[in-house]
Amino acid sequence: MKRWITGMLLAIMVLAIGRDSIAQRPGLPPGLMAFVHEDSGSRDPARKLFNLWLMDVQNPAERRRLTNFAFSLRLQDPVWSKDYRQLAFSGDFNNGLRSLEEMSLYAIRFDGTNLRQLTGFGVLGQLPGPTGTVTGRVVPGQNGTLSGCIVSAQGAAQTASCDADGRFVLNNVPRDAIWVRAQATVNDSLGGPGLSMGFARITVRPGQTINAGTITLQPTFSKSI
């Protein structure tokens, strides 16, 4: 059922990006196919990393990598737009941070440019314009302690760490950012629940500091839609 829903979403996104007119550019050369390849060779699922590749079906030795991810992530379900100029795919890539969702949808041009996120709470790409500062506090959703706490905001080029009390100060947050998110490892008396995430809505005021309040972490999140 989940895979069917993901397939339907990809079909919708393919129709949407297919309308993007780039008539000035040459189309995809004939005889090429796109595929996902696991590049690390690791047998450990936590260390596997995937990339998108193009291959000439008449000459399989002629291959070109479209993405250059160098950290553990998953990519799957690549689908061409109707004009074969763009690829839509699902993945959990978010600039090296774990995604708030299990999987989100992305698109990339056939020449490897204009990689962008279509759904979810990713931090792929930066937002332009003036910036402000966001403060707040990160707490576990249940009794426990935080470690490895990282805070990021939509379109921000940098992240921030939490202090021992879970408080953070994140600078240079773009004016158009509408959310801030946090991830950390939560440990309780039973040794769990482990990696947890949370987010808060924000309204950034350029040159000012705003308080995002308390971000409560939860151990699991559903797929984005």
N, C-alpha and C. Protein backbone atom coordinates (compact mmCIF):
# COMPACT_ATOMS: atom_id res chain seq x y z
N MET A 1 0.83 -1.20 0.00
CA MET A 1 0.00 0.00 0.00
C MET A 1 0.87 1.26 0.00
N LYS A 2 1.94 1.28 0.86
CA LYS A 2 2.82 2.44 0.94
C LYS A 2 3.54 2.66 -0.38
N ARG A 3 3.99 1.57 -1.01
CA ARG A 3 4.70 1.71 -2.28
C ARG A 3 3.76 2.21 -3.36
N TRP A 4 2.47 1.78 -3.33
CA TRP A 4 1.50 2.26 -4.31
C TRP A 4 1.29 3.75 -4.15
N ILE A 5 1.19 4.23 -2.91
CA ILE A 5 1.01 5.66 -2.66
C ILE A 5 2.21 6.45 -3.17
N THR A 6 3.43 5.92 -2.90
CA THR A 6 4.63 6.59 -3.39
C THR A 6 4.63 6.67 -4.91
N GLY A 7 4.20 5.56 -5.56
CA GLY A 7 4.13 5.56 -7.01
C GLY A 7 3.15 6.58 -7.55
N MET A 8 1.99 6.72 -6.89
CA MET A 8 1.01 7.70 -7.31
C MET A 8 1.56 9.12 -7.17
N LEU A 9 2.25 9.37 -6.07
CA LEU A 9 2.83 10.70 -5.86
C LEU A 9 3.87 11.01 -6.93
N LEU A 10 4.69 10.02 -7.26
CA LEU A 10 5.69 10.23 -8.29
C LEU A 10 5.03 10.54 -9.64
N ALA A 11 3.93 9.84 -9.93
CA ALA A 11 3.23 10.10 -11.19
C ALA A 11 2.71 11.53 -11.24
N ILE A 12 2.16 12.00 -10.11
CA ILE A 12 1.66 13.37 -10.05
C ILE A 12 2.79 14.36 -10.25
N MET A 13 3.95 14.12 -9.59
CA MET A 13 5.07 15.04 -9.71
C MET A 13 5.64 15.03 -11.12
N VAL A 14 5.65 13.86 -11.77
CA VAL A 14 6.15 13.78 -13.14
C VAL A 14 5.30 14.63 -14.05
N LEU A 15 3.96 14.56 -13.89
CA LEU A 15 3.08 15.39 -14.69
C LEU A 15 3.34 16.87 -14.45
N ALA A 16 3.61 17.21 -13.18
CA ALA A 16 3.82 18.62 -12.83
C ALA A 16 5.12 19.14 -13.43
N ILE A 17 6.21 18.39 -13.25
CA ILE A 17 7.49 18.89 -13.74
C ILE A 17 7.59 18.75 -15.25
N GLY A 18 6.75 17.91 -15.84
CA GLY A 18 6.76 17.76 -17.29
C GLY A 18 6.32 19.02 -17.99
N ARG A 19 5.59 19.90 -17.32
CA ARG A 19 5.13 21.13 -17.91
C ARG A 19 6.20 22.22 -17.90
N ASP A 20 7.32 21.94 -17.22
CA ASP A 20 8.40 22.94 -17.16
C ASP A 20 9.08 23.04 -18.52
N SER A 21 8.86 24.14 -19.22
CA SER A 21 9.36 24.27 -20.58
C SER A 21 10.83 24.68 -20.57
N ILE A 22 11.67 23.84 -21.17
CA ILE A 22 13.09 24.16 -21.33
C ILE A 22 13.47 23.91 -22.79
N ALA A 23 12.67 24.48 -23.68
CA ALA A 23 12.85 24.23 -25.11
C ALA A 23 14.21 24.71 -25.60
N GLN A 24 14.83 25.64 -24.88
CA GLN A 24 16.11 26.17 -25.32
C GLN A 24 17.23 25.14 -25.14
N ARG A 25 17.02 24.13 -24.32
CA ARG A 25 18.06 23.15 -24.04
C ARG A 25 17.84 21.90 -24.89
N PRO A 26 18.93 21.21 -25.23
CA PRO A 26 18.76 19.95 -25.94
C PRO A 26 18.14 18.92 -25.01
N GLY A 27 17.39 17.98 -25.60
CA GLY A 27 16.76 16.94 -24.80
C GLY A 27 17.74 15.83 -24.47
N LEU A 28 17.27 14.83 -23.80
CA LEU A 28 18.09 13.68 -23.44
C LEU A 28 18.53 12.94 -24.70
N PRO A 29 19.83 12.68 -24.86
CA PRO A 29 20.27 11.92 -26.04
C PRO A 29 19.61 10.55 -26.08
N PRO A 30 19.29 10.06 -27.27
CA PRO A 30 18.63 8.76 -27.37
C PRO A 30 19.51 7.62 -26.88
N GLY A 31 18.87 6.58 -26.40
CA GLY A 31 19.60 5.38 -26.00
C GLY A 31 20.11 5.37 -24.59
N LEU A 32 19.77 6.40 -23.79
CA LEU A 32 20.24 6.46 -22.41
C LEU A 32 19.15 6.00 -21.45
N MET A 33 19.54 5.33 -20.39
CA MET A 33 18.61 4.94 -19.34
C MET A 33 19.15 5.41 -18.00
N ALA A 34 18.24 5.71 -17.08
CA ALA A 34 18.62 6.14 -15.73
C ALA A 34 18.40 4.99 -14.75
N PHE A 35 19.26 4.91 -13.75
CA PHE A 35 19.11 3.86 -12.74
C PHE A 35 19.74 4.31 -11.43
N VAL A 36 19.36 3.65 -10.35
CA VAL A 36 19.92 3.90 -9.02
C VAL A 36 20.98 2.85 -8.74
N HIS A 37 22.14 3.28 -8.25
CA HIS A 37 23.23 2.35 -7.95
C HIS A 37 23.74 2.56 -6.53
N GLU A 38 24.00 1.46 -5.83
CA GLU A 38 24.58 1.53 -4.49
C GLU A 38 26.09 1.61 -4.66
N ASP A 39 26.70 2.72 -4.23
CA ASP A 39 28.10 3.01 -4.55
C ASP A 39 29.10 2.61 -3.47
N SER A 40 28.66 2.36 -2.26
CA SER A 40 29.62 2.11 -1.19
C SER A 40 30.14 0.68 -1.18
N GLY A 41 29.32 -0.28 -1.62
CA GLY A 41 29.70 -1.69 -1.53
C GLY A 41 29.56 -2.27 -0.14
N SER A 42 29.05 -1.47 0.81
CA SER A 42 28.93 -1.94 2.19
C SER A 42 27.74 -2.89 2.34
N ARG A 43 27.89 -3.86 3.23
CA ARG A 43 26.78 -4.76 3.56
C ARG A 43 25.97 -4.23 4.73
N ASP A 44 26.46 -3.16 5.36
CA ASP A 44 25.76 -2.55 6.48
C ASP A 44 24.71 -1.57 5.94
N PRO A 45 23.41 -1.81 6.18
CA PRO A 45 22.38 -0.90 5.65
C PRO A 45 22.57 0.55 6.08
N ALA A 46 23.14 0.76 7.27
CA ALA A 46 23.32 2.12 7.77
C ALA A 46 24.44 2.86 7.04
N ARG A 47 25.28 2.12 6.30
CA ARG A 47 26.41 2.75 5.60
C ARG A 47 26.22 2.81 4.09
N LYS A 48 25.12 2.28 3.61
CA LYS A 48 24.89 2.26 2.17
C LYS A 48 24.59 3.67 1.66
N LEU A 49 25.09 3.97 0.48
CA LEU A 49 24.76 5.25 -0.17
C LEU A 49 24.43 4.98 -1.63
N PHE A 50 23.46 5.72 -2.12
CA PHE A 50 22.95 5.51 -3.48
C PHE A 50 23.10 6.79 -4.29
N ASN A 51 23.26 6.62 -5.60
CA ASN A 51 23.31 7.74 -6.52
C ASN A 51 22.55 7.41 -7.79
N LEU A 52 22.14 8.46 -8.52
CA LEU A 52 21.50 8.29 -9.82
C LEU A 52 22.57 8.29 -10.91
N TRP A 53 22.43 7.37 -11.87
CA TRP A 53 23.37 7.24 -12.97
C TRP A 53 22.63 7.21 -14.30
N LEU A 54 23.32 7.60 -15.37
CA LEU A 54 22.86 7.42 -16.74
C LEU A 54 23.77 6.41 -17.43
N MET A 55 23.18 5.55 -18.27
CA MET A 55 23.97 4.55 -18.99
C MET A 55 23.48 4.43 -20.42
N ASP A 56 24.41 4.30 -21.36
CA ASP A 56 24.09 4.05 -22.75
C ASP A 56 23.77 2.56 -22.89
N VAL A 57 22.53 2.24 -23.27
CA VAL A 57 22.13 0.83 -23.32
C VAL A 57 22.87 0.07 -24.42
N GLN A 58 23.38 0.77 -25.44
CA GLN A 58 24.15 0.12 -26.50
C GLN A 58 25.61 -0.06 -26.10
N ASN A 59 26.03 0.70 -25.11
CA ASN A 59 27.41 0.61 -24.65
C ASN A 59 27.42 0.79 -23.13
N PRO A 60 27.14 -0.28 -22.37
CA PRO A 60 26.99 -0.18 -20.91
C PRO A 60 28.20 0.40 -20.18
N ALA A 61 29.36 0.38 -20.83
CA ALA A 61 30.55 0.94 -20.18
C ALA A 61 30.49 2.46 -20.13
N GLU A 62 29.64 3.06 -20.97
CA GLU A 62 29.48 4.51 -20.99
C GLU A 62 28.45 4.91 -19.93
N ARG A 63 28.94 5.32 -18.77
CA ARG A 63 28.06 5.68 -17.66
C ARG A 63 28.44 7.06 -17.13
N ARG A 64 27.42 7.76 -16.60
CA ARG A 64 27.66 9.08 -16.01
C ARG A 64 26.81 9.22 -14.77
N ARG A 65 27.44 9.64 -13.67
CA ARG A 65 26.73 9.81 -12.42
C ARG A 65 26.05 11.18 -12.39
N LEU A 66 24.74 11.20 -12.10
CA LEU A 66 23.99 12.44 -12.05
C LEU A 66 24.08 13.12 -10.69
N THR A 67 24.14 12.33 -9.63
CA THR A 67 24.24 12.88 -8.27
C THR A 67 25.57 12.46 -7.67
N ASN A 68 26.01 13.20 -6.66
CA ASN A 68 27.31 12.92 -6.04
C ASN A 68 27.19 12.92 -4.52
N PHE A 69 26.26 12.14 -4.02
CA PHE A 69 26.09 12.02 -2.58
C PHE A 69 27.21 11.18 -2.00
N ALA A 70 27.76 11.65 -0.89
CA ALA A 70 28.90 10.96 -0.27
C ALA A 70 28.60 10.54 1.15
N PHE A 71 27.31 10.44 1.50
CA PHE A 71 26.93 10.01 2.84
C PHE A 71 25.76 9.05 2.72
N SER A 72 25.50 8.32 3.78
CA SER A 72 24.49 7.27 3.75
C SER A 72 23.11 7.85 3.46
N LEU A 73 22.45 7.31 2.45
CA LEU A 73 21.10 7.72 2.11
C LEU A 73 20.48 6.68 1.19
N ARG A 74 19.18 6.83 0.98
CA ARG A 74 18.45 5.94 0.08
C ARG A 74 17.84 6.74 -1.06
N LEU A 75 17.95 6.22 -2.28
CA LEU A 75 17.24 6.74 -3.44
C LEU A 75 16.50 5.58 -4.09
N GLN A 76 15.33 5.84 -4.62
CA GLN A 76 14.58 4.78 -5.27
C GLN A 76 13.51 5.37 -6.18
N ASP A 77 12.92 4.51 -7.00
CA ASP A 77 11.78 4.82 -7.86
C ASP A 77 12.02 5.97 -8.83
N PRO A 78 13.16 6.01 -9.58
CA PRO A 78 13.33 7.09 -10.56
C PRO A 78 12.32 6.97 -11.70
N VAL A 79 11.72 8.08 -12.09
CA VAL A 79 10.73 8.11 -13.17
C VAL A 79 10.99 9.33 -14.03
N TRP A 80 11.01 9.15 -15.36
CA TRP A 80 11.23 10.26 -16.28
C TRP A 80 9.96 11.10 -16.43
N SER A 81 10.14 12.40 -16.64
CA SER A 81 9.03 13.24 -17.07
C SER A 81 8.68 12.88 -18.52
N LYS A 82 7.54 13.36 -19.00
CA LYS A 82 7.09 12.97 -20.33
C LYS A 82 8.02 13.43 -21.44
N ASP A 83 8.73 14.53 -21.22
CA ASP A 83 9.66 15.01 -22.25
C ASP A 83 11.09 14.49 -22.04
N TYR A 84 11.28 13.62 -21.06
CA TYR A 84 12.58 13.01 -20.79
C TYR A 84 13.67 14.03 -20.47
N ARG A 85 13.28 15.15 -19.92
CA ARG A 85 14.26 16.16 -19.55
C ARG A 85 14.51 16.19 -18.04
N GLN A 86 13.63 15.58 -17.26
CA GLN A 86 13.76 15.59 -15.81
C GLN A 86 13.44 14.22 -15.23
N LEU A 87 14.05 13.95 -14.08
CA LEU A 87 13.80 12.72 -13.34
C LEU A 87 13.17 13.07 -12.00
N ALA A 88 12.11 12.35 -11.63
CA ALA A 88 11.58 12.42 -10.27
C ALA A 88 11.96 11.14 -9.56
N PHE A 89 12.25 11.24 -8.26
CA PHE A 89 12.62 10.05 -7.50
C PHE A 89 12.31 10.28 -6.03
N SER A 90 12.25 9.23 -5.26
CA SER A 90 12.04 9.34 -3.83
C SER A 90 13.34 9.05 -3.10
N GLY A 91 13.51 9.65 -1.92
CA GLY A 91 14.73 9.46 -1.16
C GLY A 91 14.63 10.08 0.21
N ASP A 92 15.68 9.90 1.01
CA ASP A 92 15.72 10.50 2.35
C ASP A 92 16.90 11.45 2.48
N PHE A 93 17.28 12.06 1.35
CA PHE A 93 18.40 13.01 1.32
C PHE A 93 17.98 14.37 1.85
N ASN A 94 18.75 14.93 2.77
CA ASN A 94 18.52 16.28 3.28
C ASN A 94 19.83 16.93 3.67
N ASN A 95 20.73 17.10 2.68
CA ASN A 95 22.03 17.72 2.94
C ASN A 95 22.81 17.01 4.05
N GLY A 96 22.70 15.71 4.12
CA GLY A 96 23.44 14.94 5.12
C GLY A 96 22.74 14.79 6.44
N LEU A 97 21.65 15.56 6.68
CA LEU A 97 20.86 15.39 7.89
C LEU A 97 19.79 14.34 7.64
N ARG A 98 19.43 13.61 8.67
CA ARG A 98 18.35 12.65 8.52
C ARG A 98 17.05 13.39 8.25
N SER A 99 16.23 12.83 7.37
CA SER A 99 14.98 13.47 6.99
C SER A 99 13.96 13.37 8.12
N LEU A 100 13.08 14.38 8.22
CA LEU A 100 11.96 14.30 9.15
C LEU A 100 10.97 13.24 8.70
N GLU A 101 10.95 12.93 7.41
CA GLU A 101 10.06 11.92 6.88
C GLU A 101 10.84 10.68 6.51
N GLU A 102 10.13 9.57 6.41
CA GLU A 102 10.79 8.34 5.97
C GLU A 102 11.32 8.51 4.55
N MET A 103 10.50 9.07 3.66
CA MET A 103 10.92 9.35 2.29
C MET A 103 10.23 10.62 1.81
N SER A 104 10.91 11.38 0.92
CA SER A 104 10.35 12.55 0.28
C SER A 104 10.60 12.46 -1.22
N LEU A 105 9.97 13.36 -1.98
CA LEU A 105 10.10 13.35 -3.43
C LEU A 105 11.04 14.47 -3.89
N TYR A 106 11.84 14.17 -4.93
CA TYR A 106 12.83 15.09 -5.47
C TYR A 106 12.76 15.08 -6.99
N ALA A 107 13.39 16.07 -7.61
CA ALA A 107 13.50 16.11 -9.07
C ALA A 107 14.87 16.64 -9.45
N ILE A 108 15.35 16.23 -10.62
CA ILE A 108 16.65 16.67 -11.12
C ILE A 108 16.58 16.68 -12.65
N ARG A 109 17.29 17.61 -13.29
CA ARG A 109 17.32 17.63 -14.75
C ARG A 109 18.19 16.48 -15.28
N PHE A 110 17.98 16.17 -16.57
CA PHE A 110 18.68 15.03 -17.16
C PHE A 110 20.19 15.22 -17.18
N ASP A 111 20.65 16.49 -17.09
CA ASP A 111 22.10 16.75 -17.12
C ASP A 111 22.70 16.85 -15.72
N GLY A 112 21.91 16.52 -14.68
CA GLY A 112 22.41 16.53 -13.31
C GLY A 112 22.32 17.86 -12.61
N THR A 113 21.67 18.86 -13.23
CA THR A 113 21.52 20.18 -12.61
C THR A 113 20.13 20.33 -12.00
N ASN A 114 19.98 21.40 -11.21
CA ASN A 114 18.69 21.78 -10.64
C ASN A 114 18.06 20.68 -9.78
N LEU A 115 18.87 20.07 -8.93
CA LEU A 115 18.34 19.12 -7.96
C LEU A 115 17.50 19.88 -6.94
N ARG A 116 16.28 19.44 -6.70
CA ARG A 116 15.39 20.15 -5.78
C ARG A 116 14.44 19.18 -5.09
N GLN A 117 13.97 19.60 -3.93
CA GLN A 117 13.04 18.79 -3.15
C GLN A 117 11.61 19.27 -3.41
N LEU A 118 10.70 18.31 -3.62
CA LEU A 118 9.32 18.62 -3.96
C LEU A 118 8.37 18.48 -2.79
N THR A 119 8.65 17.60 -1.84
CA THR A 119 7.81 17.43 -0.66
C THR A 119 8.68 17.29 0.57
N GLY A 120 8.09 17.54 1.74
CA GLY A 120 8.77 17.24 2.99
C GLY A 120 9.48 18.42 3.63
N PHE A 121 10.16 18.13 4.74
CA PHE A 121 10.82 19.15 5.56
C PHE A 121 12.32 19.14 5.33
N GLY A 122 12.75 19.01 4.10
CA GLY A 122 14.18 18.98 3.82
C GLY A 122 14.82 20.35 3.89
N VAL A 123 16.13 20.38 3.83
CA VAL A 123 16.88 21.63 3.82
C VAL A 123 17.72 21.72 2.56
N LEU A 124 17.22 21.12 1.48
CA LEU A 124 17.93 21.11 0.21
C LEU A 124 17.85 22.49 -0.43
N GLY A 125 19.01 23.13 -0.64
CA GLY A 125 19.03 24.45 -1.25
C GLY A 125 18.88 25.56 -0.22
N GLN A 126 19.33 26.76 -0.60
CA GLN A 126 19.27 27.90 0.30
C GLN A 126 18.24 28.92 -0.19
N LEU A 127 17.62 29.61 0.76
CA LEU A 127 16.67 30.67 0.44
C LEU A 127 17.40 32.01 0.42
N PRO A 128 17.06 32.90 -0.51
CA PRO A 128 17.72 34.21 -0.61
C PRO A 128 17.14 35.21 0.38
N GLY A 129 17.72 36.40 0.38
CA GLY A 129 17.15 37.49 1.16
C GLY A 129 17.80 37.69 2.51
N PRO A 130 17.34 38.71 3.25
CA PRO A 130 17.88 39.01 4.59
C PRO A 130 17.57 37.89 5.58
N THR A 131 18.29 37.91 6.69
CA THR A 131 18.17 36.82 7.66
C THR A 131 17.93 37.35 9.07
N GLY A 132 17.53 36.43 9.93
CA GLY A 132 17.35 36.72 11.34
C GLY A 132 17.92 35.58 12.17
N THR A 133 17.67 35.62 13.46
CA THR A 133 18.17 34.61 14.40
C THR A 133 16.99 33.91 15.07
N VAL A 134 17.13 32.61 15.24
CA VAL A 134 16.08 31.81 15.88
C VAL A 134 16.67 31.13 17.12
N THR A 135 15.99 31.26 18.24
CA THR A 135 16.38 30.58 19.47
C THR A 135 15.27 29.62 19.89
N GLY A 136 15.57 28.78 20.85
CA GLY A 136 14.57 27.85 21.35
C GLY A 136 15.21 26.79 22.22
N ARG A 137 14.40 25.79 22.53
CA ARG A 137 14.90 24.70 23.37
C ARG A 137 14.36 23.37 22.84
N VAL A 138 15.22 22.36 22.83
CA VAL A 138 14.86 21.02 22.37
C VAL A 138 14.74 20.10 23.57
N VAL A 139 13.63 19.36 23.66
CA VAL A 139 13.42 18.44 24.77
C VAL A 139 12.98 17.09 24.22
N PRO A 140 13.29 15.99 24.94
CA PRO A 140 12.82 14.68 24.49
C PRO A 140 11.32 14.53 24.72
N GLY A 141 10.69 13.68 23.91
CA GLY A 141 9.25 13.46 24.05
C GLY A 141 8.90 12.64 25.27
N GLN A 142 9.88 12.04 25.91
CA GLN A 142 9.68 11.27 27.13
C GLN A 142 10.93 11.45 27.99
N ASN A 143 10.92 10.88 29.16
CA ASN A 143 12.08 11.02 30.05
C ASN A 143 13.33 10.48 29.37
N GLY A 144 14.40 11.22 29.46
CA GLY A 144 15.65 10.79 28.84
C GLY A 144 16.60 11.96 28.68
N THR A 145 17.76 11.68 28.15
CA THR A 145 18.78 12.70 27.92
C THR A 145 19.07 12.82 26.44
N LEU A 146 19.50 14.02 26.03
CA LEU A 146 19.81 14.29 24.62
C LEU A 146 21.31 14.22 24.38
N SER A 147 21.68 13.73 23.20
CA SER A 147 23.07 13.80 22.76
C SER A 147 23.07 14.00 21.24
N GLY A 148 24.11 14.67 20.76
CA GLY A 148 24.22 14.90 19.33
C GLY A 148 23.10 15.74 18.76
N CYS A 149 22.65 16.74 19.50
CA CYS A 149 21.52 17.57 19.08
C CYS A 149 21.95 18.56 17.99
N ILE A 150 21.24 18.55 16.85
CA ILE A 150 21.51 19.45 15.74
C ILE A 150 20.21 20.15 15.36
N VAL A 151 20.28 21.46 15.16
CA VAL A 151 19.11 22.27 14.79
C VAL A 151 19.39 22.91 13.43
N SER A 152 18.40 22.84 12.53
CA SER A 152 18.53 23.46 11.21
C SER A 152 17.22 24.14 10.87
N ALA A 153 17.26 25.02 9.86
CA ALA A 153 16.06 25.74 9.44
C ALA A 153 15.95 25.67 7.92
N GLN A 154 14.75 25.84 7.44
CA GLN A 154 14.50 25.80 6.00
C GLN A 154 15.36 26.84 5.28
N GLY A 155 16.13 26.38 4.28
CA GLY A 155 16.91 27.29 3.46
C GLY A 155 18.12 27.91 4.11
N ALA A 156 18.47 27.49 5.34
CA ALA A 156 19.63 28.05 6.05
C ALA A 156 20.89 27.28 5.68
N ALA A 157 22.00 28.00 5.56
CA ALA A 157 23.26 27.38 5.14
C ALA A 157 24.01 26.73 6.29
N GLN A 158 23.60 26.99 7.53
CA GLN A 158 24.33 26.46 8.67
C GLN A 158 23.37 25.83 9.66
N THR A 159 23.94 25.06 10.57
CA THR A 159 23.18 24.43 11.65
C THR A 159 23.70 24.94 12.99
N ALA A 160 23.04 24.53 14.07
CA ALA A 160 23.46 24.90 15.43
C ALA A 160 23.36 23.68 16.33
N SER A 161 24.18 23.67 17.35
CA SER A 161 24.14 22.61 18.36
C SER A 161 23.38 23.09 19.59
N CYS A 162 22.88 22.15 20.36
CA CYS A 162 22.19 22.46 21.62
C CYS A 162 23.17 22.41 22.78
N ASP A 163 22.92 23.23 23.81
CA ASP A 163 23.74 23.11 25.01
C ASP A 163 23.22 21.97 25.89
N ALA A 164 23.76 21.84 27.07
CA ALA A 164 23.40 20.73 27.95
C ALA A 164 21.93 20.75 28.35
N ASP A 165 21.32 21.92 28.30
CA ASP A 165 19.91 22.06 28.66
C ASP A 165 18.99 22.01 27.44
N GLY A 166 19.57 21.76 26.25
CA GLY A 166 18.77 21.68 25.04
C GLY A 166 18.52 23.00 24.36
N ARG A 167 19.10 24.09 24.84
CA ARG A 167 18.86 25.41 24.24
C ARG A 167 19.79 25.63 23.05
N PHE A 168 19.32 26.41 22.08
CA PHE A 168 20.10 26.64 20.88
C PHE A 168 19.91 28.08 20.39
N VAL A 169 20.89 28.54 19.60
CA VAL A 169 20.83 29.82 18.89
C VAL A 169 21.25 29.54 17.46
N LEU A 170 20.34 29.75 16.52
CA LEU A 170 20.62 29.50 15.11
C LEU A 170 20.63 30.83 14.36
N ASN A 171 21.79 31.20 13.82
CA ASN A 171 21.94 32.47 13.13
C ASN A 171 21.73 32.33 11.62
N ASN A 172 21.55 33.47 10.97
CA ASN A 172 21.46 33.53 9.51
C ASN A 172 20.33 32.67 8.94
N VAL A 173 19.16 32.76 9.57
CA VAL A 173 17.99 32.04 9.07
C VAL A 173 17.27 32.95 8.07
N PRO A 174 17.04 32.50 6.84
CA PRO A 174 16.43 33.35 5.81
C PRO A 174 15.03 33.84 6.19
N ARG A 175 14.70 35.01 5.71
CA ARG A 175 13.41 35.62 6.01
C ARG A 175 12.23 34.73 5.61
N ASP A 176 12.37 33.99 4.51
CA ASP A 176 11.26 33.19 4.00
C ASP A 176 11.17 31.80 4.63
N ALA A 177 12.07 31.46 5.53
CA ALA A 177 11.99 30.16 6.21
C ALA A 177 10.74 30.11 7.09
N ILE A 178 10.04 28.98 7.06
CA ILE A 178 8.81 28.86 7.85
C ILE A 178 8.90 27.76 8.90
N TRP A 179 10.03 27.07 9.00
CA TRP A 179 10.16 26.06 10.03
C TRP A 179 11.61 25.88 10.47
N VAL A 180 11.76 25.41 11.68
CA VAL A 180 13.05 25.01 12.24
C VAL A 180 12.89 23.58 12.74
N ARG A 181 13.92 22.78 12.60
CA ARG A 181 13.80 21.38 13.01
C ARG A 181 15.01 20.96 13.85
N ALA A 182 14.83 19.89 14.60
CA ALA A 182 15.90 19.40 15.47
C ALA A 182 15.96 17.88 15.40
N GLN A 183 17.15 17.36 15.53
CA GLN A 183 17.34 15.91 15.64
C GLN A 183 18.39 15.64 16.71
N ALA A 184 18.20 14.54 17.43
CA ALA A 184 19.12 14.18 18.50
C ALA A 184 18.90 12.72 18.86
N THR A 185 19.86 12.16 19.54
CA THR A 185 19.71 10.82 20.10
C THR A 185 19.17 10.95 21.51
N VAL A 186 18.07 10.26 21.79
CA VAL A 186 17.45 10.28 23.11
C VAL A 186 17.70 8.94 23.79
N ASN A 187 18.24 9.01 24.99
CA ASN A 187 18.52 7.80 25.77
C ASN A 187 17.76 7.84 27.09
N ASP A 188 16.96 6.79 27.35
CA ASP A 188 16.26 6.69 28.62
C ASP A 188 16.84 5.54 29.42
N SER A 189 16.18 5.16 30.49
CA SER A 189 16.71 4.11 31.37
C SER A 189 16.76 2.75 30.69
N LEU A 190 16.01 2.59 29.59
CA LEU A 190 15.99 1.33 28.85
C LEU A 190 16.90 1.35 27.63
N GLY A 191 17.62 2.47 27.44
CA GLY A 191 18.55 2.56 26.32
C GLY A 191 17.94 3.06 25.03
N GLY A 192 16.73 3.56 25.07
CA GLY A 192 16.07 4.03 23.84
C GLY A 192 15.48 5.40 24.06
N PRO A 193 14.68 5.91 23.11
CA PRO A 193 14.34 5.29 21.82
C PRO A 193 15.34 5.55 20.71
N GLY A 194 16.45 6.27 20.96
CA GLY A 194 17.44 6.52 19.93
C GLY A 194 17.17 7.80 19.15
N LEU A 195 17.46 7.77 17.83
CA LEU A 195 17.32 8.96 17.01
C LEU A 195 15.89 9.47 17.03
N SER A 196 15.73 10.75 17.35
CA SER A 196 14.42 11.39 17.43
C SER A 196 14.47 12.75 16.74
N MET A 197 13.30 13.21 16.27
CA MET A 197 13.25 14.46 15.51
C MET A 197 12.01 15.25 15.88
N GLY A 198 12.05 16.56 15.60
CA GLY A 198 10.90 17.41 15.85
C GLY A 198 11.06 18.72 15.11
N PHE A 199 9.99 19.51 15.01
CA PHE A 199 10.07 20.79 14.31
C PHE A 199 9.10 21.78 14.92
N ALA A 200 9.29 23.05 14.56
CA ALA A 200 8.41 24.12 14.99
C ALA A 200 8.24 25.12 13.85
N ARG A 201 7.06 25.72 13.75
CA ARG A 201 6.82 26.77 12.77
C ARG A 201 7.43 28.07 13.26
N ILE A 202 7.96 28.87 12.33
CA ILE A 202 8.59 30.13 12.71
C ILE A 202 8.19 31.23 11.73
N THR A 203 8.28 32.47 12.17
CA THR A 203 8.15 33.66 11.32
C THR A 203 9.39 34.50 11.56
N VAL A 204 10.27 34.54 10.58
CA VAL A 204 11.57 35.20 10.73
C VAL A 204 11.43 36.70 10.46
N ARG A 205 12.02 37.50 11.34
CA ARG A 205 12.07 38.95 11.17
C ARG A 205 13.53 39.36 10.92
N PRO A 206 13.84 39.86 9.73
CA PRO A 206 15.24 40.19 9.40
C PRO A 206 15.88 41.10 10.44
N GLY A 207 17.09 40.74 10.84
CA GLY A 207 17.84 41.53 11.80
C GLY A 207 17.39 41.38 13.23
N GLN A 208 16.38 40.52 13.49
CA GLN A 208 15.87 40.34 14.84
C GLN A 208 16.00 38.89 15.29
N THR A 209 15.79 38.68 16.58
CA THR A 209 15.82 37.33 17.15
C THR A 209 14.41 36.93 17.54
N ILE A 210 13.98 35.76 17.08
CA ILE A 210 12.66 35.25 17.45
C ILE A 210 12.84 33.93 18.19
N ASN A 211 11.88 33.64 19.06
CA ASN A 211 11.93 32.42 19.87
C ASN A 211 10.97 31.39 19.28
N ALA A 212 11.52 30.24 18.90
CA ALA A 212 10.70 29.16 18.34
C ALA A 212 10.00 28.35 19.42
N GLY A 213 10.30 28.66 20.70
CA GLY A 213 9.67 27.93 21.79
C GLY A 213 10.33 26.58 22.03
N THR A 214 9.56 25.64 22.51
CA THR A 214 10.07 24.30 22.84
C THR A 214 9.78 23.33 21.70
N ILE A 215 10.81 22.66 21.22
CA ILE A 215 10.67 21.64 20.19
C ILE A 215 10.74 20.27 20.87
N THR A 216 9.65 19.56 20.83
CA THR A 216 9.59 18.25 21.47
C THR A 216 9.90 17.16 20.44
N LEU A 217 10.88 16.33 20.75
CA LEU A 217 11.31 15.30 19.82
C LEU A 217 10.44 14.05 19.92
N GLN A 218 10.24 13.42 18.79
CA GLN A 218 9.52 12.14 18.70
C GLN A 218 10.38 11.16 17.95
N PRO A 219 10.31 9.85 18.27
CA PRO A 219 11.22 8.88 17.66
C PRO A 219 10.88 8.50 16.24
N THR A 220 9.67 8.70 15.77
CA THR A 220 9.32 8.26 14.41
C THR A 220 8.48 9.32 13.73
N PHE A 221 8.57 9.34 12.38
CA PHE A 221 7.76 10.21 11.56
C PHE A 221 7.27 9.44 10.36
N SER A 222 6.10 9.80 9.85
CA SER A 222 5.54 9.12 8.68
C SER A 222 6.10 9.70 7.41
N LYS A 223 5.79 9.07 6.27
CA LYS A 223 6.21 9.58 4.98
C LYS A 223 5.54 10.91 4.69
N SER A 224 6.23 11.75 3.93
CA SER A 224 5.61 13.01 3.54
C SER A 224 4.67 12.77 2.38
N ILE A 225 3.63 13.61 2.28
CA ILE A 225 2.69 13.49 1.16
C ILE A 225 2.43 14.87 0.60
